PDB file of N, CA and C in Angstrom:
ATOM      1  N   UNK A   1       0.784  -1.169  -0.010  1.00  0.00           N
ATOM      2  CA  UNK A   1      -0.021   0.089   0.017  1.00  0.00           C
ATOM      3  C   UNK A   1       0.843   1.281  -0.024  1.00  0.00           C
ATOM      4  N   UNK A   2       1.957   1.213   0.787  1.00  0.00           N
ATOM      5  CA  UNK A   2       2.850   2.398   0.719  1.00  0.00           C
ATOM      6  C   UNK A   2       3.442   2.637  -0.555  1.00  0.00           C
ATOM      7  N   UNK A   3       3.796   1.593  -1.268  1.00  0.00           N
ATOM      8  CA  UNK A   3       4.285   1.791  -2.625  1.00  0.00           C
ATOM      9  C   UNK A   3       3.354   2.449  -3.558  1.00  0.00           C
ATOM     10  N   UNK A   4       2.026   1.914  -3.410  1.00  0.00           N
ATOM     11  CA  UNK A   4       1.116   2.552  -4.270  1.00  0.00           C
ATOM     12  C   UNK A   4       0.997   4.049  -3.995  1.00  0.00           C
ATOM     13  N   UNK A   5       0.912   4.495  -2.722  1.00  0.00           N
ATOM     14  CA  UNK A   5       0.798   5.893  -2.423  1.00  0.00           C
ATOM     15  C   UNK A   5       1.952   6.659  -2.917  1.00  0.00           C
ATOM     16  N   UNK A   6       3.192   6.106  -2.864  1.00  0.00           N
ATOM     17  CA  UNK A   6       4.352   6.700  -3.346  1.00  0.00           C
ATOM     18  C   UNK A   6       4.284   7.025  -4.898  1.00  0.00           C
ATOM     19  N   UNK A   7       3.711   5.940  -5.553  1.00  0.00           N
ATOM     20  CA  UNK A   7       3.689   6.045  -7.086  1.00  0.00           C
ATOM     21  C   UNK A   7       2.514   7.070  -7.313  1.00  0.00           C
ATOM     22  N   UNK A   8       1.455   7.256  -6.694  1.00  0.00           N
ATOM     23  CA  UNK A   8       0.494   8.227  -6.813  1.00  0.00           C
ATOM     24  C   UNK A   8       1.057   9.620  -6.640  1.00  0.00           C
ATOM     25  N   UNK A   9       1.786   9.837  -5.499  1.00  0.00           N
ATOM     26  CA  UNK A   9       2.347  11.110  -5.284  1.00  0.00           C
ATOM     27  C   UNK A   9       3.369  11.487  -6.319  1.00  0.00           C
ATOM     28  N   UNK A  10       4.187  10.428  -6.704  1.00  0.00           N
ATOM     29  CA  UNK A  10       5.082  10.841  -7.865  1.00  0.00           C
ATOM     30  C   UNK A  10       4.543  11.231  -9.121  1.00  0.00           C
ATOM     31  N   UNK A  11       3.416  10.420  -9.459  1.00  0.00           N
ATOM     32  CA  UNK A  11       2.735  10.739 -10.763  1.00  0.00           C
ATOM     33  C   UNK A  11       2.144  12.131 -10.732  1.00  0.00           C
ATOM     34  N   UNK A  12       1.519  12.656  -9.697  1.00  0.00           N
ATOM     35  CA  UNK A  12       0.857  13.847  -9.615  1.00  0.00           C
ATOM     36  C   UNK A  12       1.641  14.917  -8.895  1.00  0.00           C
ATOM     37  N   UNK A  13       2.930  14.588  -8.760  1.00  0.00           N
ATOM     38  CA  UNK A  13       3.880  15.551  -8.184  1.00  0.00           C
ATOM     39  C   UNK A  13       3.342  16.126  -6.876  1.00  0.00           C
ATOM     40  N   UNK A  14       2.854  15.215  -5.891  1.00  0.00           N
ATOM     41  CA  UNK A  14       2.499  15.715  -4.653  1.00  0.00           C
ATOM     42  C   UNK A  14       3.713  15.624  -3.723  1.00  0.00           C
ATOM     43  N   UNK A  15       4.014  16.598  -2.912  1.00  0.00           N
ATOM     44  CA  UNK A  15       5.225  16.560  -2.300  1.00  0.00           C
ATOM     45  C   UNK A  15       5.089  15.774  -0.819  1.00  0.00           C
ATOM     46  N   UNK A  16       4.065  15.996  -0.269  1.00  0.00           N
ATOM     47  CA  UNK A  16       3.953  15.436   1.053  1.00  0.00           C
ATOM     48  C   UNK A  16       2.711  14.613   1.476  1.00  0.00           C
ATOM     49  N   UNK A  17       2.788  13.832   2.401  1.00  0.00           N
ATOM     50  CA  UNK A  17       1.562  13.023   2.879  1.00  0.00           C
ATOM     51  C   UNK A  17       0.405  13.901   3.295  1.00  0.00           C
ATOM     52  N   UNK A  18       0.701  15.115   3.863  1.00  0.00           N
ATOM     53  CA  UNK A  18      -0.315  16.022   4.215  1.00  0.00           C
ATOM     54  C   UNK A  18      -1.017  16.598   3.062  1.00  0.00           C
ATOM     55  N   UNK A  19      -0.214  16.990   2.024  1.00  0.00           N
ATOM     56  CA  UNK A  19      -0.832  17.546   0.730  1.00  0.00           C
ATOM     57  C   UNK A  19      -1.624  16.354   0.206  1.00  0.00           C
ATOM     58  N   UNK A  20      -1.298  15.224   0.210  1.00  0.00           N
ATOM     59  CA  UNK A  20      -2.037  14.078  -0.394  1.00  0.00           C
ATOM     60  C   UNK A  20      -3.345  14.032   0.325  1.00  0.00           C
ATOM     61  N   UNK A  21      -3.350  14.018   1.720  1.00  0.00           N
ATOM     62  CA  UNK A  21      -4.564  13.951   2.574  1.00  0.00           C
ATOM     63  C   UNK A  21      -5.418  15.209   2.206  1.00  0.00           C
ATOM     64  N   UNK A  22      -4.930  16.301   2.051  1.00  0.00           N
ATOM     65  CA  UNK A  22      -5.809  17.508   1.771  1.00  0.00           C
ATOM     66  C   UNK A  22      -6.386  17.392   0.489  1.00  0.00           C
ATOM     67  N   UNK A  23      -5.717  16.872  -0.543  1.00  0.00           N
ATOM     68  CA  UNK A  23      -6.215  16.718  -1.908  1.00  0.00           C
ATOM     69  C   UNK A  23      -7.377  15.620  -1.873  1.00  0.00           C
ATOM     70  N   UNK A  24      -7.287  14.555  -1.292  1.00  0.00           N
ATOM     71  CA  UNK A  24      -8.281  13.506  -1.029  1.00  0.00           C
ATOM     72  C   UNK A  24      -9.398  14.069  -0.402  1.00  0.00           C
ATOM     73  N   UNK A  25      -9.201  14.810   0.608  1.00  0.00           N
ATOM     74  CA  UNK A  25     -10.336  15.492   1.365  1.00  0.00           C
ATOM     75  C   UNK A  25     -11.088  16.436   0.511  1.00  0.00           C
ATOM     76  N   UNK A  26     -10.413  17.188  -0.426  1.00  0.00           N
ATOM     77  CA  UNK A  26     -11.108  18.145  -1.196  1.00  0.00           C
ATOM     78  C   UNK A  26     -11.895  17.395  -2.220  1.00  0.00           C
ATOM     79  N   UNK A  27     -11.473  16.262  -2.807  1.00  0.00           N
ATOM     80  CA  UNK A  27     -12.179  15.367  -3.669  1.00  0.00           C
ATOM     81  C   UNK A  27     -13.442  14.794  -2.979  1.00  0.00           C
ATOM     82  N   UNK A  28     -13.354  14.461  -1.814  1.00  0.00           N
ATOM     83  CA  UNK A  28     -14.435  13.879  -0.950  1.00  0.00           C
ATOM     84  C   UNK A  28     -15.403  14.936  -0.720  1.00  0.00           C
ATOM     85  N   UNK A  29     -15.002  16.029  -0.266  1.00  0.00           N
ATOM     86  CA  UNK A  29     -15.946  17.179  -0.022  1.00  0.00           C
ATOM     87  C   UNK A  29     -16.772  17.605  -1.212  1.00  0.00           C
ATOM     88  N   UNK A  30     -16.077  17.619  -2.389  1.00  0.00           N
ATOM     89  CA  UNK A  30     -16.635  17.993  -3.722  1.00  0.00           C
ATOM     90  C   UNK A  30     -17.871  16.992  -4.061  1.00  0.00           C
ATOM     91  N   UNK A  31     -17.471  15.728  -3.785  1.00  0.00           N
ATOM     92  CA  UNK A  31     -18.383  14.637  -4.091  1.00  0.00           C
ATOM     93  C   UNK A  31     -19.593  14.647  -3.129  1.00  0.00           C
ATOM     94  N   UNK A  32     -19.325  14.960  -1.877  1.00  0.00           N
ATOM     95  CA  UNK A  32     -20.498  15.053  -0.911  1.00  0.00           C
ATOM     96  C   UNK A  32     -21.332  16.373  -1.315  1.00  0.00           C
ATOM     97  N   UNK A  33     -20.745  17.336  -1.756  1.00  0.00           N
ATOM     98  CA  UNK A  33     -21.479  18.611  -2.270  1.00  0.00           C
ATOM     99  C   UNK A  33     -22.376  18.237  -3.305  1.00  0.00           C
ATOM    100  N   UNK A  34     -21.999  17.481  -4.334  1.00  0.00           N
ATOM    101  CA  UNK A  34     -22.821  17.104  -5.384  1.00  0.00           C
ATOM    102  C   UNK A  34     -23.889  16.142  -5.009  1.00  0.00           C
ATOM    103  N   UNK A  35     -23.543  15.085  -4.167  1.00  0.00           N
ATOM    104  CA  UNK A  35     -24.519  13.992  -3.757  1.00  0.00           C
ATOM    105  C   UNK A  35     -25.610  14.708  -2.892  1.00  0.00           C
ATOM    106  N   UNK A  36     -25.366  15.681  -2.120  1.00  0.00           N
ATOM    107  CA  UNK A  36     -26.219  16.229  -1.282  1.00  0.00           C
ATOM    108  C   UNK A  36     -27.160  17.389  -1.947  1.00  0.00           C
ATOM    109  N   UNK A  37     -26.658  18.051  -2.990  1.00  0.00           N
ATOM    110  CA  UNK A  37     -27.460  18.959  -3.813  1.00  0.00           C
ATOM    111  C   UNK A  37     -28.303  18.382  -4.874  1.00  0.00           C
ATOM    112  N   UNK A  38     -27.879  17.188  -5.411  1.00  0.00           N
ATOM    113  CA  UNK A  38     -28.610  16.796  -6.541  1.00  0.00           C
ATOM    114  C   UNK A  38     -30.111  16.419  -6.208  1.00  0.00           C
ATOM    115  N   UNK A  39     -30.442  15.784  -5.251  1.00  0.00           N
ATOM    116  CA  UNK A  39     -31.911  15.544  -5.002  1.00  0.00           C
ATOM    117  C   UNK A  39     -32.641  16.824  -4.875  1.00  0.00           C
ATOM    118  N   UNK A  40     -32.089  17.792  -4.275  1.00  0.00           N
ATOM    119  CA  UNK A  40     -32.954  19.026  -4.018  1.00  0.00           C
ATOM    120  C   UNK A  40     -32.926  19.778  -5.362  1.00  0.00           C
ATOM    121  N   UNK A  41     -32.018  19.806  -6.223  1.00  0.00           N
ATOM    122  CA  UNK A  41     -32.028  20.449  -7.583  1.00  0.00           C
ATOM    123  C   UNK A  41     -32.945  19.710  -8.437  1.00  0.00           C
ATOM    124  N   UNK A  42     -32.817  18.419  -8.472  1.00  0.00           N
ATOM    125  CA  UNK A  42     -33.835  17.607  -9.358  1.00  0.00           C
ATOM    126  C   UNK A  42     -35.250  17.962  -8.928  1.00  0.00           C
ATOM    127  N   UNK A  43     -35.462  17.994  -7.616  1.00  0.00           N
ATOM    128  CA  UNK A  43     -36.855  18.223  -7.250  1.00  0.00           C
ATOM    129  C   UNK A  43     -37.271  19.622  -7.733  1.00  0.00           C
ATOM    130  N   UNK A  44     -36.380  20.604  -7.461  1.00  0.00           N
ATOM    131  CA  UNK A  44     -36.657  21.988  -7.804  1.00  0.00           C
ATOM    132  C   UNK A  44     -36.906  22.172  -9.312  1.00  0.00           C
ATOM    133  N   UNK A  45     -36.227  21.394 -10.115  1.00  0.00           N
ATOM    134  CA  UNK A  45     -36.475  21.416 -11.584  1.00  0.00           C
ATOM    135  C   UNK A  45     -37.599  20.618 -12.033  1.00  0.00           C
ATOM    136  N   UNK A  46     -38.160  19.675 -11.135  1.00  0.00           N
ATOM    137  CA  UNK A  46     -39.269  18.864 -11.530  1.00  0.00           C
ATOM    138  C   UNK A  46     -38.868  17.627 -12.226  1.00  0.00           C
ATOM    139  N   UNK A  47     -37.554  17.134 -12.092  1.00  0.00           N
ATOM    140  CA  UNK A  47     -37.331  15.991 -12.961  1.00  0.00           C
ATOM    141  C   UNK A  47     -36.959  14.697 -11.932  1.00  0.00           C
ATOM    142  N   UNK A  48     -37.439  14.825 -10.825  1.00  0.00           N
ATOM    143  CA  UNK A  48     -37.117  13.670  -9.911  1.00  0.00           C
ATOM    144  C   UNK A  48     -37.755  12.424 -10.336  1.00  0.00           C
ATOM    145  N   UNK A  49     -38.887  12.472 -10.983  1.00  0.00           N
ATOM    146  CA  UNK A  49     -39.522  11.214 -11.433  1.00  0.00           C
ATOM    147  C   UNK A  49     -39.427  11.109 -12.885  1.00  0.00           C
ATOM    148  N   UNK A  50     -38.567  11.779 -13.524  1.00  0.00           N
ATOM    149  CA  UNK A  50     -38.422  11.722 -15.060  1.00  0.00           C
ATOM    150  C   UNK A  50     -37.659  10.466 -15.498  1.00  0.00           C
ATOM    151  N   UNK A  51     -37.606  10.295 -16.834  1.00  0.00           N
ATOM    152  CA  UNK A  51     -36.924   8.980 -17.474  1.00  0.00           C
ATOM    153  C   UNK A  51     -35.475   9.188 -17.127  1.00  0.00           C
ATOM    154  N   UNK A  52     -34.845   7.957 -17.141  1.00  0.00           N
ATOM    155  CA  UNK A  52     -33.492   7.908 -16.733  1.00  0.00           C
ATOM    156  C   UNK A  52     -32.611   8.893 -17.534  1.00  0.00           C
ATOM    157  N   UNK A  53     -32.939   8.877 -18.970  1.00  0.00           N
ATOM    158  CA  UNK A  53     -32.012   9.702 -19.800  1.00  0.00           C
ATOM    159  C   UNK A  53     -32.205  11.177 -19.538  1.00  0.00           C
ATOM    160  N   UNK A  54     -33.350  11.623 -18.998  1.00  0.00           N
ATOM    161  CA  UNK A  54     -33.525  13.081 -18.660  1.00  0.00           C
ATOM    162  C   UNK A  54     -32.582  13.422 -17.464  1.00  0.00           C
ATOM    163  N   UNK A  55     -32.668  12.512 -16.522  1.00  0.00           N
ATOM    164  CA  UNK A  55     -31.857  12.654 -15.309  1.00  0.00           C
ATOM    165  C   UNK A  55     -30.354  12.511 -15.556  1.00  0.00           C
ATOM    166  N   UNK A  56     -29.996  11.621 -16.482  1.00  0.00           N
ATOM    167  CA  UNK A  56     -28.591  11.424 -16.847  1.00  0.00           C
ATOM    168  C   UNK A  56     -28.091  12.730 -17.498  1.00  0.00           C
ATOM    169  N   UNK A  57     -28.863  13.231 -18.287  1.00  0.00           N
ATOM    170  CA  UNK A  57     -28.384  14.463 -19.234  1.00  0.00           C
ATOM    171  C   UNK A  57     -28.296  15.650 -18.391  1.00  0.00           C
ATOM    172  N   UNK A  58     -29.405  15.791 -17.442  1.00  0.00           N
ATOM    173  CA  UNK A  58     -29.422  16.941 -16.493  1.00  0.00           C
ATOM    174  C   UNK A  58     -28.061  16.746 -15.449  1.00  0.00           C
ATOM    175  N   UNK A  59     -27.894  15.604 -15.088  1.00  0.00           N
ATOM    176  CA  UNK A  59     -26.616  15.338 -14.125  1.00  0.00           C
ATOM    177  C   UNK A  59     -25.425  15.831 -14.819  1.00  0.00           C
ATOM    178  N   UNK A  60     -25.263  15.326 -16.089  1.00  0.00           N
ATOM    179  CA  UNK A  60     -24.043  15.717 -16.890  1.00  0.00           C
ATOM    180  C   UNK A  60     -23.860  17.239 -17.161  1.00  0.00           C
ATOM    181  N   UNK A  61     -25.002  17.786 -17.377  1.00  0.00           N
ATOM    182  CA  UNK A  61     -24.993  19.332 -17.711  1.00  0.00           C
ATOM    183  C   UNK A  61     -24.861  20.134 -16.524  1.00  0.00           C
ATOM    184  N   UNK A  62     -25.362  19.722 -15.398  1.00  0.00           N
ATOM    185  CA  UNK A  62     -25.452  20.555 -14.155  1.00  0.00           C
ATOM    186  C   UNK A  62     -24.315  20.131 -13.148  1.00  0.00           C
ATOM    187  N   UNK A  63     -24.228  18.912 -12.839  1.00  0.00           N
ATOM    188  CA  UNK A  63     -23.402  18.513 -11.805  1.00  0.00           C
ATOM    189  C   UNK A  63     -21.968  18.216 -12.228  1.00  0.00           C
ATOM    190  N   UNK A  64     -21.600  18.097 -13.429  1.00  0.00           N
ATOM    191  CA  UNK A  64     -20.272  17.758 -13.709  1.00  0.00           C
ATOM    192  C   UNK A  64     -19.525  19.154 -13.690  1.00  0.00           C
ATOM    193  N   UNK A  65     -20.123  20.212 -14.153  1.00  0.00           N
ATOM    194  CA  UNK A  65     -19.380  21.446 -13.867  1.00  0.00           C
ATOM    195  C   UNK A  65     -19.438  21.876 -12.315  1.00  0.00           C
ATOM    196  N   UNK A  66     -20.459  21.644 -11.609  1.00  0.00           N
ATOM    197  CA  UNK A  66     -20.569  21.862 -10.254  1.00  0.00           C
ATOM    198  C   UNK A  66     -19.486  21.115  -9.481  1.00  0.00           C
ATOM    199  N   UNK A  67     -19.154  19.879  -9.800  1.00  0.00           N
ATOM    200  CA  UNK A  67     -18.168  19.026  -9.195  1.00  0.00           C
ATOM    201  C   UNK A  67     -16.879  19.680  -9.364  1.00  0.00           C
ATOM    202  N   UNK A  68     -16.650  20.172 -10.627  1.00  0.00           N
ATOM    203  CA  UNK A  68     -15.280  20.740 -11.031  1.00  0.00           C
ATOM    204  C   UNK A  68     -15.140  22.176 -10.245  1.00  0.00           C
ATOM    205  N   UNK A  69     -16.088  22.954 -10.149  1.00  0.00           N
ATOM    206  CA  UNK A  69     -16.059  24.125  -9.324  1.00  0.00           C
ATOM    207  C   UNK A  69     -15.892  23.766  -7.816  1.00  0.00           C
ATOM    208  N   UNK A  70     -16.553  22.688  -7.400  1.00  0.00           N
ATOM    209  CA  UNK A  70     -16.335  22.375  -5.987  1.00  0.00           C
ATOM    210  C   UNK A  70     -14.997  21.958  -5.655  1.00  0.00           C
ATOM    211  N   UNK A  71     -14.282  21.172  -6.596  1.00  0.00           N
ATOM    212  CA  UNK A  71     -13.100  20.772  -6.247  1.00  0.00           C
ATOM    213  C   UNK A  71     -11.953  21.961  -6.135  1.00  0.00           C
ATOM    214  N   UNK A  72     -12.269  22.939  -7.058  1.00  0.00           N
ATOM    215  CA  UNK A  72     -11.466  24.256  -6.980  1.00  0.00           C
ATOM    216  C   UNK A  72     -11.799  24.966  -5.671  1.00  0.00           C
ATOM    217  N   UNK A  73     -13.029  24.997  -5.252  1.00  0.00           N
ATOM    218  CA  UNK A  73     -13.388  25.769  -4.048  1.00  0.00           C
ATOM    219  C   UNK A  73     -12.805  25.094  -2.773  1.00  0.00           C
ATOM    220  N   UNK A  74     -12.955  23.746  -2.621  1.00  0.00           N
ATOM    221  CA  UNK A  74     -12.498  23.104  -1.486  1.00  0.00           C
ATOM    222  C   UNK A  74     -10.868  22.899  -1.558  1.00  0.00           C
ATOM    223  N   UNK A  75     -10.442  22.836  -2.730  1.00  0.00           N
ATOM    224  CA  UNK A  75      -8.930  22.749  -2.870  1.00  0.00           C
ATOM    225  C   UNK A  75      -8.408  24.138  -2.497  1.00  0.00           C
ATOM    226  N   UNK A  76      -8.936  25.216  -2.795  1.00  0.00           N
ATOM    227  CA  UNK A  76      -8.519  26.539  -2.382  1.00  0.00           C
ATOM    228  C   UNK A  76      -8.623  26.571  -0.829  1.00  0.00           C
ATOM    229  N   UNK A  77      -9.667  26.252  -0.316  1.00  0.00           N
ATOM    230  CA  UNK A  77      -9.778  26.407   1.166  1.00  0.00           C
ATOM    231  C   UNK A  77      -8.739  25.511   1.927  1.00  0.00           C
ATOM    232  N   UNK A  78      -8.373  24.451   1.288  1.00  0.00           N
ATOM    233  CA  UNK A  78      -7.437  23.512   1.928  1.00  0.00           C
ATOM    234  C   UNK A  78      -5.951  23.791   1.543  1.00  0.00           C
ATOM    235  N   UNK A  79      -5.814  24.910   0.749  1.00  0.00           N
ATOM    236  CA  UNK A  79      -4.613  25.228   0.345  1.00  0.00           C
ATOM    237  C   UNK A  79      -3.849  24.404  -0.798  1.00  0.00           C
ATOM    238  N   UNK A  80      -4.674  23.884  -1.597  1.00  0.00           N
ATOM    239  CA  UNK A  80      -4.384  23.081  -2.778  1.00  0.00           C
ATOM    240  C   UNK A  80      -4.797  23.577  -4.023  1.00  0.00           C
ATOM    241  N   UNK A  81      -4.990  24.777  -4.265  1.00  0.00           N
ATOM    242  CA  UNK A  81      -5.567  25.435  -5.456  1.00  0.00           C
ATOM    243  C   UNK A  81      -4.713  25.114  -6.636  1.00  0.00           C
ATOM    244  N   UNK A  82      -3.402  25.246  -6.580  1.00  0.00           N
ATOM    245  CA  UNK A  82      -2.501  24.973  -7.695  1.00  0.00           C
ATOM    246  C   UNK A  82      -2.719  23.536  -8.218  1.00  0.00           C
ATOM    247  N   UNK A  83      -2.817  22.516  -7.414  1.00  0.00           N
ATOM    248  CA  UNK A  83      -2.935  21.193  -7.805  1.00  0.00           C
ATOM    249  C   UNK A  83      -4.292  21.094  -8.690  1.00  0.00           C
ATOM    250  N   UNK A  84      -5.407  21.652  -8.039  1.00  0.00           N
ATOM    251  CA  UNK A  84      -6.696  21.495  -8.796  1.00  0.00           C
ATOM    252  C   UNK A  84      -6.830  22.274 -10.052  1.00  0.00           C
ATOM    253  N   UNK A  85      -6.163  23.497 -10.033  1.00  0.00           N
ATOM    254  CA  UNK A  85      -6.195  24.502 -11.121  1.00  0.00           C
ATOM    255  C   UNK A  85      -5.430  23.777 -12.299  1.00  0.00           C
ATOM    256  N   UNK A  86      -4.200  23.102 -12.082  1.00  0.00           N
ATOM    257  CA  UNK A  86      -3.615  22.333 -13.115  1.00  0.00           C
ATOM    258  C   UNK A  86      -4.559  21.322 -13.703  1.00  0.00           C
ATOM    259  N   UNK A  87      -5.266  20.528 -12.844  1.00  0.00           N
ATOM    260  CA  UNK A  87      -6.136  19.424 -13.282  1.00  0.00           C
ATOM    261  C   UNK A  87      -7.247  20.001 -13.981  1.00  0.00           C
ATOM    262  N   UNK A  88      -7.759  21.121 -13.715  1.00  0.00           N
ATOM    263  CA  UNK A  88      -8.822  21.832 -14.485  1.00  0.00           C
ATOM    264  C   UNK A  88      -8.426  22.291 -15.916  1.00  0.00           C
ATOM    265  N   UNK A  89      -7.186  22.730 -15.999  1.00  0.00           N
ATOM    266  CA  UNK A  89      -6.563  23.181 -17.218  1.00  0.00           C
ATOM    267  C   UNK A  89      -6.341  21.933 -18.106  1.00  0.00           C
ATOM    268  N   UNK A  90      -5.896  20.935 -17.690  1.00  0.00           N
ATOM    269  CA  UNK A  90      -5.740  19.682 -18.448  1.00  0.00           C
ATOM    270  C   UNK A  90      -7.019  19.218 -18.860  1.00  0.00           C
ATOM    271  N   UNK A  91      -8.091  19.171 -17.946  1.00  0.00           N
ATOM    272  CA  UNK A  91      -9.425  18.695 -18.391  1.00  0.00           C
ATOM    273  C   UNK A  91     -10.034  19.530 -19.516  1.00  0.00           C
ATOM    274  N   UNK A  92      -9.813  20.867 -19.401  1.00  0.00           N
ATOM    275  CA  UNK A  92     -10.290  21.793 -20.407  1.00  0.00           C
ATOM    276  C   UNK A  92      -9.601  21.559 -21.750  1.00  0.00           C
ATOM    277  N   UNK A  93      -8.347  21.299 -21.772  1.00  0.00           N
ATOM    278  CA  UNK A  93      -7.659  20.983 -23.015  1.00  0.00           C
ATOM    279  C   UNK A  93      -8.141  19.763 -23.644  1.00  0.00           C
ATOM    280  N   UNK A  94      -8.337  18.758 -22.697  1.00  0.00           N
ATOM    281  CA  UNK A  94      -8.767  17.470 -23.172  1.00  0.00           C
ATOM    282  C   UNK A  94     -10.246  17.591 -23.820  1.00  0.00           C
ATOM    283  N   UNK A  95     -11.116  18.243 -23.149  1.00  0.00           N
ATOM    284  CA  UNK A  95     -12.535  18.471 -23.537  1.00  0.00           C
ATOM    285  C   UNK A  95     -12.555  19.214 -24.919  1.00  0.00           C
ATOM    286  N   UNK A  96     -11.766  20.314 -24.926  1.00  0.00           N
ATOM    287  CA  UNK A  96     -11.664  21.020 -26.095  1.00  0.00           C
ATOM    288  C   UNK A  96     -11.248  20.344 -27.390  1.00  0.00           C
ATOM    289  N   UNK A  97     -10.198  19.451 -27.224  1.00  0.00           N
ATOM    290  CA  UNK A  97      -9.758  18.609 -28.306  1.00  0.00           C
ATOM    291  C   UNK A  97     -10.839  17.719 -28.761  1.00  0.00           C
ATOM    292  N   UNK A  98     -11.521  17.050 -27.744  1.00  0.00           N
ATOM    293  CA  UNK A  98     -12.538  16.150 -28.095  1.00  0.00           C
ATOM    294  C   UNK A  98     -13.712  16.823 -28.726  1.00  0.00           C
ATOM    295  N   UNK A  99     -14.040  17.872 -28.224  1.00  0.00           N
ATOM    296  CA  UNK A  99     -15.251  18.661 -28.886  1.00  0.00           C
ATOM    297  C   UNK A  99     -14.911  19.108 -30.240  1.00  0.00           C
ATOM    298  N   UNK A 100     -13.768  19.637 -30.412  1.00  0.00           N
ATOM    299  CA  UNK A 100     -13.388  20.104 -31.815  1.00  0.00           C
ATOM    300  C   UNK A 100     -13.279  19.024 -32.804  1.00  0.00           C
ATOM    301  N   UNK A 101     -12.784  17.798 -32.488  1.00  0.00           N
ATOM    302  CA  UNK A 101     -12.788  16.643 -33.277  1.00  0.00           C
ATOM    303  C   UNK A 101     -14.147  16.177 -33.736  1.00  0.00           C
ATOM    304  N   UNK A 102     -15.144  16.211 -32.633  1.00  0.00           N
ATOM    305  CA  UNK A 102     -16.504  15.846 -32.954  1.00  0.00           C
ATOM    306  C   UNK A 102     -17.183  16.775 -33.943  1.00  0.00           C
ATOM    307  N   UNK A 103     -16.871  18.139 -33.828  1.00  0.00           N
ATOM    308  CA  UNK A 103     -17.449  19.195 -34.564  1.00  0.00           C
ATOM    309  C   UNK A 103     -17.040  19.192 -36.105  1.00  0.00           C
ATOM    310  N   UNK A 104     -15.877  18.498 -36.397  1.00  0.00           N
ATOM    311  CA  UNK A 104     -15.316  18.415 -37.781  1.00  0.00           C
ATOM    312  C   UNK A 104     -15.932  17.285 -38.577  1.00  0.00           C
TER     313      UNK A 104
END
């Protein structure tokens, strides 16, 4: 297990065990944020009892960006903004490449 953690830290250039713990905590808090807000927002939008594809589409359009913003927010509060900002930039480049390829 220790070897696995060392490999993860090396791959993502995480310097200390504390930084690793803070990053994992930020991911967890962002996930909790999405899981607690989803039922309320679905109910507010009136799609709680809709077809699965409506809920899936709404989830992707609403909660994928919410999760990304939540990781930035919690990462910032926990002093790990640069880690999450780099991940957001990589994700943005990846999505841009994929979307531009689909558009052609």
